[in-house]
C-alpha atoms as a PDB file:
ATOM      1  CA  MET A   1      23.711 -16.833 -15.432  1.00  0.00           C
ATOM      2  CA  ILE A   2      22.025 -20.110 -16.202  1.00  0.00           C
ATOM      3  CA  ASN A   3      20.243 -21.666 -19.197  1.00  0.00           C
ATOM      4  CA  GLU A   4      18.195 -19.081 -21.192  1.00  0.00           C
ATOM      5  CA  GLN A   5      19.766 -16.110 -19.363  1.00  0.00           C
ATOM      6  CA  ILE A   6      22.991 -16.657 -21.341  1.00  0.00           C
ATOM      7  CA  ARG A   7      23.010 -14.417 -24.459  1.00  0.00           C
ATOM      8  CA  ASP A   8      26.397 -15.167 -26.107  1.00  0.00           C
ATOM      9  CA  LYS A   9      26.648 -16.607 -29.636  1.00  0.00           C
ATOM     10  CA  GLU A  10      29.158 -19.306 -28.751  1.00  0.00           C
ATOM     11  CA  VAL A  11      30.673 -20.611 -25.525  1.00  0.00           C
ATOM     12  CA  ARG A  12      33.555 -22.784 -24.370  1.00  0.00           C
ATOM     13  CA  LEU A  13      31.777 -25.809 -22.933  1.00  0.00           C
ATOM     14  CA  ILE A  14      32.806 -28.063 -20.048  1.00  0.00           C
ATOM     15  CA  GLY A  15      30.896 -31.310 -19.611  1.00  0.00           C
ATOM     16  CA  ALA A  16      29.136 -32.643 -16.528  1.00  0.00           C
ATOM     17  CA  GLU A  17      32.187 -34.720 -15.486  1.00  0.00           C
ATOM     18  CA  GLY A  18      34.615 -31.825 -16.047  1.00  0.00           C
ATOM     19  CA  GLU A  19      35.773 -32.841 -19.537  1.00  0.00           C
ATOM     20  CA  GLN A  20      36.524 -30.140 -22.147  1.00  0.00           C
ATOM     21  CA  ILE A  21      34.003 -30.288 -24.993  1.00  0.00           C
ATOM     22  CA  GLY A  22      35.312 -27.193 -26.789  1.00  0.00           C
ATOM     23  CA  ILE A  23      33.854 -24.063 -28.358  1.00  0.00           C
ATOM     24  CA  VAL A  24      30.260 -24.697 -29.428  1.00  0.00           C
ATOM     25  CA  PRO A  25      27.268 -22.525 -30.411  1.00  0.00           C
ATOM     26  CA  LEU A  26      24.992 -21.582 -27.525  1.00  0.00           C
ATOM     27  CA  LYS A  27      21.990 -23.529 -28.897  1.00  0.00           C
ATOM     28  CA  GLU A  28      24.120 -26.698 -29.106  1.00  0.00           C
ATOM     29  CA  ALA A  29      25.338 -26.234 -25.505  1.00  0.00           C
ATOM     30  CA  GLN A  30      21.769 -25.730 -24.264  1.00  0.00           C
ATOM     31  CA  ARG A  31      20.622 -28.825 -26.176  1.00  0.00           C
ATOM     32  CA  LEU A  32      23.422 -30.957 -24.628  1.00  0.00           C
ATOM     33  CA  ALA A  33      22.490 -29.715 -21.142  1.00  0.00           C
ATOM     34  CA  SER A  34      18.768 -30.399 -21.595  1.00  0.00           C
ATOM     35  CA  GLU A  35      19.475 -33.909 -22.952  1.00  0.00           C
ATOM     36  CA  LYS A  36      21.207 -34.750 -19.665  1.00  0.00           C
ATOM     37  CA  SER A  37      18.462 -32.983 -17.637  1.00  0.00           C
ATOM     38  CA  LEU A  38      21.054 -30.557 -16.253  1.00  0.00           C
ATOM     39  CA  ASP A  39      21.617 -26.792 -16.360  1.00  0.00           C
ATOM     40  CA  LEU A  40      24.034 -24.752 -18.475  1.00  0.00           C
ATOM     41  CA  VAL A  41      25.843 -22.388 -16.072  1.00  0.00           C
ATOM     42  CA  LYS A  42      28.145 -19.526 -17.097  1.00  0.00           C
ATOM     43  CA  ILE A  43      31.186 -19.827 -14.792  1.00  0.00           C
ATOM     44  CA  ALA A  44      33.662 -17.403 -16.441  1.00  0.00           C
ATOM     45  CA  PRO A  45      31.773 -14.549 -18.165  1.00  0.00           C
ATOM     46  CA  GLN A  46      34.887 -12.392 -18.686  1.00  0.00           C
ATOM     47  CA  ALA A  47      36.675 -15.030 -20.815  1.00  0.00           C
ATOM     48  CA  LYS A  48      36.669 -14.903 -24.623  1.00  0.00           C
ATOM     49  CA  PRO A  49      34.503 -16.865 -25.404  1.00  0.00           C
ATOM     50  CA  PRO A  50      32.695 -17.213 -22.036  1.00  0.00           C
ATOM     51  CA  VAL A  51      33.119 -20.531 -20.231  1.00  0.00           C
ATOM     52  CA  CYS A  52      29.966 -22.520 -19.442  1.00  0.00           C
ATOM     53  CA  LYS A  53      29.600 -25.794 -17.588  1.00  0.00           C
ATOM     54  CA  ILE A  54      26.895 -28.436 -17.615  1.00  0.00           C
ATOM     55  CA  MET A  55      25.870 -29.109 -13.996  1.00  0.00           C
ATOM     56  CA  ASP A  56      22.955 -29.528 -11.612  1.00  0.00           C
ATOM     57  CA  TYR A  57      22.667 -25.905 -10.465  1.00  0.00           C
ATOM     58  CA  GLY A  58      20.292 -26.644  -7.558  1.00  0.00           C
ATOM     59  CA  LYS A  59      22.700 -29.224  -6.135  1.00  0.00           C
ATOM     60  CA  PHE A  60      25.636 -26.827  -6.666  1.00  0.00           C
ATOM     61  CA  LYS A  61      23.883 -24.056  -4.697  1.00  0.00           C
ATOM     62  CA  PHE A  62      22.923 -26.508  -1.930  1.00  0.00           C
ATOM     63  CA  ASP A  63      26.519 -27.773  -1.586  1.00  0.00           C
ATOM     64  CA  ALA A  64      27.892 -24.212  -1.535  1.00  0.00           C
ATOM     65  CA  ALA A  65      25.446 -23.204   1.224  1.00  0.00           C
ATOM     66  CA  LYS A  66      26.362 -26.331   3.193  1.00  0.00           C
ATOM     67  CA  LYS A  67      30.097 -25.568   2.946  1.00  0.00           C
ATOM     68  CA  GLU A  68      29.520 -21.974   4.059  1.00  0.00           C
ATOM     69  CA  LYS A  69      27.465 -23.141   7.039  1.00  0.00           C
ATOM     70  CA  GLU A  70      30.241 -25.580   8.065  1.00  0.00           C
ATOM     71  CA  ALA A  71      32.838 -22.806   7.792  1.00  0.00           C
ATOM     72  CA  ARG A  72      30.739 -20.567  10.050  1.00  0.00           C
ATOM     73  CA  LYS A  73      30.407 -23.358  12.622  1.00  0.00           C
ATOM     74  CA  LYS A  74      34.177 -23.762  12.886  1.00  0.00           C
ATOM     75  CA  GLN A  75      34.743 -20.015  13.212  1.00  0.00           C
ATOM     76  CA  LYS A  76      35.630 -18.782  16.705  1.00  0.00           C
ATOM     77  CA  THR A  77      34.744 -15.213  17.547  1.00  0.00           C
ATOM     78  CA  VAL A  78      37.225 -13.696  19.973  1.00  0.00           C
ATOM     79  CA  SER A  79      35.630 -11.189  22.289  1.00  0.00           C
ATOM     80  CA  LEU A  80      37.374  -8.608  24.436  1.00  0.00           C
ATOM     81  CA  LYS A  81      36.684  -8.832  28.174  1.00  0.00           C
ATOM     82  CA  GLU A  82      37.705  -6.031  30.530  1.00  0.00           C
ATOM     83  CA  VAL A  83      39.132  -6.199  34.037  1.00  0.00           C
ATOM     84  CA  ARG A  84      39.209  -2.800  35.771  1.00  0.00           C
ATOM     85  CA  LEU A  85      41.646  -2.145  38.587  1.00  0.00           C
ATOM     86  CA  SER A  86      42.324   0.961  40.642  1.00  0.00           C
ATOM     87  CA  ALA A  87      45.716   2.438  41.447  1.00  0.00           C
ATOM     88  CA  SER A  88      45.192   1.699  45.170  1.00  0.00           C
ATOM     89  CA  ILE A  89      43.913  -1.883  44.887  1.00  0.00           C
ATOM     90  CA  GLU A  90      44.393  -4.301  47.776  1.00  0.00           C
ATOM     91  CA  LYS A  91      46.184  -7.644  47.352  1.00  0.00           C
ATOM     92  CA  HIS A  92      43.121  -9.873  47.711  1.00  0.00           C
ATOM     93  CA  ASP A  93      41.022  -7.784  45.302  1.00  0.00           C
ATOM     94  CA  PHE A  94      43.876  -7.894  42.796  1.00  0.00           C
ATOM     95  CA  GLU A  95      44.113 -11.691  43.060  1.00  0.00           C
ATOM     96  CA  THR A  96      40.347 -12.056  42.557  1.00  0.00           C
ATOM     97  CA  LYS A  97      40.439  -9.868  39.433  1.00  0.00           C
ATOM     98  CA  MET A  98      43.396 -11.861  38.071  1.00  0.00           C
ATOM     99  CA  ARG A  99      41.498 -15.131  38.596  1.00  0.00           C
ATOM    100  CA  ASN A 100      38.685 -13.678  36.492  1.00  0.00           C
ATOM    101  CA  ALA A 101      41.168 -12.590  33.818  1.00  0.00           C
ATOM    102  CA  GLU A 102      42.697 -16.080  33.848  1.00  0.00           C
ATOM    103  CA  LYS A 103      39.237 -17.609  33.387  1.00  0.00           C
ATOM    104  CA  PHE A 104      38.585 -15.313  30.376  1.00  0.00           C
ATOM    105  CA  LEU A 105      41.933 -16.207  28.783  1.00  0.00           C
ATOM    106  CA  LYS A 106      41.313 -19.939  29.231  1.00  0.00           C
ATOM    107  CA  ALA A 107      37.945 -19.481  27.483  1.00  0.00           C
ATOM    108  CA  GLY A 108      39.854 -18.051  24.490  1.00  0.00           C
ATOM    109  CA  ASP A 109      38.931 -14.382  24.942  1.00  0.00           C
ATOM    110  CA  LYS A 110      41.267 -11.405  24.959  1.00  0.00           C
ATOM    111  CA  VAL A 111      41.449  -9.462  28.215  1.00  0.00           C
ATOM    112  CA  LYS A 112      41.792  -5.690  28.499  1.00  0.00           C
ATOM    113  CA  ILE A 113      43.313  -4.831  31.875  1.00  0.00           C
ATOM    114  CA  SER A 114      42.856  -1.193  32.805  1.00  0.00           C
ATOM    115  CA  VAL A 115      44.070   0.704  35.841  1.00  0.00           C
ATOM    116  CA  VAL A 116      41.814   3.695  36.504  1.00  0.00           C
ATOM    117  CA  PHE A 117      43.281   6.789  38.159  1.00  0.00           C
ATOM    118  CA  ARG A 118      41.071   9.143  40.186  1.00  0.00           C
ATOM    119  CA  GLY A 119      41.893  12.661  41.302  1.00  0.00           C
ATOM    120  CA  ARG A 120      45.394  12.976  42.719  1.00  0.00           C
ATOM    121  CA  GLU A 121      46.288   9.411  41.750  1.00  0.00           C
ATOM    122  CA  MET A 122      47.232  10.837  38.322  1.00  0.00           C
ATOM    123  CA  MET A 123      50.489  12.055  39.891  1.00  0.00           C
ATOM    124  CA  HIS A 124      51.450   8.449  40.736  1.00  0.00           C
ATOM    125  CA  THR A 125      51.160   6.753  37.370  1.00  0.00           C
ATOM    126  CA  GLN A 126      54.165   4.568  38.239  1.00  0.00           C
ATOM    127  CA  LYS A 127      51.817   2.576  40.510  1.00  0.00           C
ATOM    128  CA  GLY A 128      49.779   1.719  37.428  1.00  0.00           C
ATOM    129  CA  TYR A 129      52.832   0.359  35.618  1.00  0.00           C
ATOM    130  CA  THR A 130      53.690  -1.724  38.694  1.00  0.00           C
ATOM    131  CA  ILE A 131      50.177  -3.170  38.929  1.00  0.00           C
ATOM    132  CA  LEU A 132      50.099  -4.048  35.211  1.00  0.00           C
ATOM    133  CA  GLU A 133      53.536  -5.684  35.440  1.00  0.00           C
ATOM    134  CA  GLN A 134      52.324  -7.821  38.363  1.00  0.00           C
ATOM    135  CA  ALA A 135      49.260  -8.789  36.326  1.00  0.00           C
ATOM    136  CA  LEU A 136      51.432  -9.822  33.368  1.00  0.00           C
ATOM    137  CA  VAL A 137      53.660 -11.923  35.635  1.00  0.00           C
ATOM    138  CA  LEU A 138      50.587 -13.779  36.967  1.00  0.00           C
ATOM    139  CA  LEU A 139      49.134 -14.306  33.473  1.00  0.00           C
ATOM    140  CA  GLU A 140      52.374 -15.066  31.580  1.00  0.00           C
ATOM    141  CA  GLU A 141      51.695 -18.843  31.467  1.00  0.00           C
ATOM    142  CA  ILE A 142      48.377 -18.519  29.626  1.00  0.00           C
ATOM    143  CA  GLY A 143      48.529 -15.082  28.004  1.00  0.00           C
ATOM    144  CA  VAL A 144      50.818 -12.702  26.175  1.00  0.00           C
ATOM    145  CA  ALA A 145      50.646  -8.892  26.069  1.00  0.00           C
ATOM    146  CA  GLU A 146      49.808  -7.472  22.647  1.00  0.00           C
ATOM    147  CA  GLN A 147      51.441  -4.083  23.277  1.00  0.00           C
ATOM    148  CA  LYS A 148      53.069  -2.025  26.004  1.00  0.00           C
ATOM    149  CA  PRO A 149      50.861  -0.273  28.593  1.00  0.00           C
ATOM    150  CA  LYS A 150      49.388   2.950  27.230  1.00  0.00           C
ATOM    151  CA  PHE A 151      47.240   5.797  28.520  1.00  0.00           C
ATOM    152  CA  GLU A 152      43.664   6.363  27.406  1.00  0.00           C
ATOM    153  CA  GLY A 153      42.298   9.352  29.259  1.00  0.00           C
ATOM    154  CA  ARG A 154      42.523   8.671  33.010  1.00  0.00           C
ATOM    155  CA  SER A 155      43.286   4.966  32.669  1.00  0.00           C
ATOM    156  CA  MET A 156      46.319   2.901  31.757  1.00  0.00           C
ATOM    157  CA  ILE A 157      45.490  -0.023  29.485  1.00  0.00           C
ATOM    158  CA  ILE A 158      47.080  -3.249  28.286  1.00  0.00           C
ATOM    159  CA  VAL A 159      45.512  -6.004  26.177  1.00  0.00           C
ATOM    160  CA  VAL A 160      46.442  -9.631  26.901  1.00  0.00           C
ATOM    161  CA  ALA A 161      45.732 -12.351  24.326  1.00  0.00           C
ATOM    162  CA  PRO A 162      45.598 -16.086  25.050  1.00  0.00           C
ATOM    163  CA  LYS A 163      48.686 -18.110  24.055  1.00  0.00           C
END
């Protein structure tokens, strides 16, 4: 709440430079604010009596928006990239997929490596563990596994995060 929106009888007033003025009637606080061509802003409505501060409200809102924009700029969103392998993958194909996974990790993204089992391959799930272990060995310098390999339907999955 600012200026005339404040409806309390008396308020604890803080000056424009942050100095404590004390408990004053609302009309007095509004008069002091208007003399300095500033706004009276309620900053702690739950206090007894409520705390108000004399400040330039437009500048305060502008600075707050600027800080929020800067914080959003510095924020890095981590996305999850997926590399799908099969239980009967050849060596060269495996190496190509691992190069892609390495590229994703270096870019700062998490990588979900999944080994998909088709038909009778479900009886040889040990191959999936072997493939995922080989992948972790290749990526151990730049990534770390978040959890142990687990099954999701017909695929075995592991998530690797960048170090």
